[in-house]
Amino acid sequence: MRMFQWAVVYCDDGRRGGQLAVWRCRLEPVAGGTAIRLRHGMRLGTAPGPLQNFMAQSPDCEGEILAGRFARLCTGVATTLADAQA
């Protein structure tokens, strides 16, 4: 098995910032063949970032903002995994 991961950090002043998310990919051989299984995951961090700032400016739209962000996240992950399979 091989694994790699990276963190997305928010830096608005040029210094190291807090983690917004940690992304991880694991590559595992599939038993009995030459195929590789890709497992992909993401964990949201605790650092405040642009999304929280935007929601604070429009608290009445928080649900819509989160739903839109989640939809874009799902689309991006699906696209990445489809491209990796091609």
Protein backbone atom coordinates (compact mmCIF):
# COMPACT_ATOMS: atom_id res chain seq x y z
CA MET A 1 0.00 0.00 0.00
CA ARG A 2 1.15 3.53 -0.73
CA MET A 3 -0.38 6.63 0.75
CA PHE A 4 0.13 10.33 0.19
CA GLN A 5 -1.61 13.30 1.70
CA TRP A 6 -1.48 17.05 1.67
CA ALA A 7 -2.95 19.87 3.71
CA VAL A 8 -4.64 22.98 2.40
CA VAL A 9 -3.79 25.95 4.59
CA TYR A 10 -5.25 29.43 4.69
CA CYS A 11 -2.68 32.21 4.71
CA ASP A 12 -4.00 35.71 4.29
CA ASP A 13 -0.86 37.45 5.49
CA GLY A 14 1.91 35.41 3.87
CA ARG A 15 2.64 33.32 6.97
CA ARG A 16 1.87 29.69 7.63
CA GLY A 17 -1.85 29.35 8.31
CA GLY A 18 -4.17 26.83 9.85
CA GLN A 19 -5.40 23.73 8.06
CA LEU A 20 -8.59 24.11 6.07
CA ALA A 21 -8.55 20.48 4.95
CA VAL A 22 -6.34 17.41 4.71
CA TRP A 23 -6.64 15.27 1.58
CA ARG A 24 -5.43 11.67 1.46
CA CYS A 25 -5.04 9.07 -1.27
CA ARG A 26 -4.20 5.40 -0.73
CA LEU A 27 -3.15 3.04 -3.50
CA GLU A 28 -3.70 -0.64 -2.74
CA PRO A 29 -3.04 -3.65 -4.96
CA VAL A 30 -6.15 -5.69 -5.71
CA ALA A 31 -5.72 -9.35 -4.76
CA GLY A 32 -5.34 -11.75 -7.67
CA GLY A 33 -4.65 -9.17 -10.34
CA THR A 34 -2.61 -6.28 -11.55
CA ALA A 35 -5.22 -3.63 -10.75
CA ILE A 36 -4.77 -0.90 -8.16
CA ARG A 37 -7.54 0.36 -5.89
CA LEU A 38 -7.55 4.10 -5.17
CA ARG A 39 -9.10 5.22 -1.91
CA HIS A 40 -9.62 8.92 -1.49
CA GLY A 41 -10.61 10.91 1.57
CA MET A 42 -10.78 14.41 2.96
CA ARG A 43 -11.04 15.76 6.49
CA LEU A 44 -12.08 19.32 7.12
CA GLY A 45 -9.73 21.28 9.35
CA THR A 46 -10.53 23.66 12.15
CA ALA A 47 -8.99 26.84 10.76
CA PRO A 48 -11.37 29.62 9.82
CA GLY A 49 -11.16 30.39 6.14
CA PRO A 50 -12.92 32.17 3.30
CA LEU A 51 -16.05 30.00 3.56
CA GLN A 52 -16.61 30.88 7.21
CA ASN A 53 -15.96 34.55 6.47
CA PHE A 54 -18.49 34.49 3.64
CA MET A 55 -21.12 32.81 5.85
CA ALA A 56 -20.51 35.36 8.60
CA GLN A 57 -21.27 38.13 6.10
CA SER A 58 -24.49 36.39 4.97
CA PRO A 59 -25.77 34.35 7.93
CA ASP A 60 -29.27 34.12 6.45
CA CYS A 61 -27.79 32.20 3.48
CA GLU A 62 -25.57 29.83 5.47
CA GLY A 63 -27.44 26.66 4.43
CA GLU A 64 -27.34 27.59 0.76
CA ILE A 65 -23.66 28.51 0.96
CA LEU A 66 -22.78 25.17 2.58
CA ALA A 67 -24.94 23.19 0.14
CA GLY A 68 -23.27 24.88 -2.83
CA ARG A 69 -19.79 24.28 -1.44
CA PHE A 70 -20.58 20.63 -0.71
CA ALA A 71 -21.95 20.14 -4.23
CA ARG A 72 -18.76 21.61 -5.75
CA LEU A 73 -16.65 19.44 -3.46
CA CYS A 74 -18.50 16.27 -4.52
CA THR A 75 -18.20 17.19 -8.20
CA GLY A 76 -14.48 17.86 -7.84
CA VAL A 77 -13.81 14.58 -6.05
CA ALA A 78 -15.84 12.61 -8.61
CA THR A 79 -13.96 14.29 -11.48
CA THR A 80 -10.58 13.62 -9.88
CA LEU A 81 -11.36 9.95 -9.32
CA ALA A 82 -12.76 9.52 -12.84
CA ASP A 83 -9.63 11.12 -14.30
CA ALA A 84 -7.42 8.84 -12.19
CA GLN A 85 -9.30 5.79 -13.52
CA ALA A 86 -8.93 6.84 -17.17
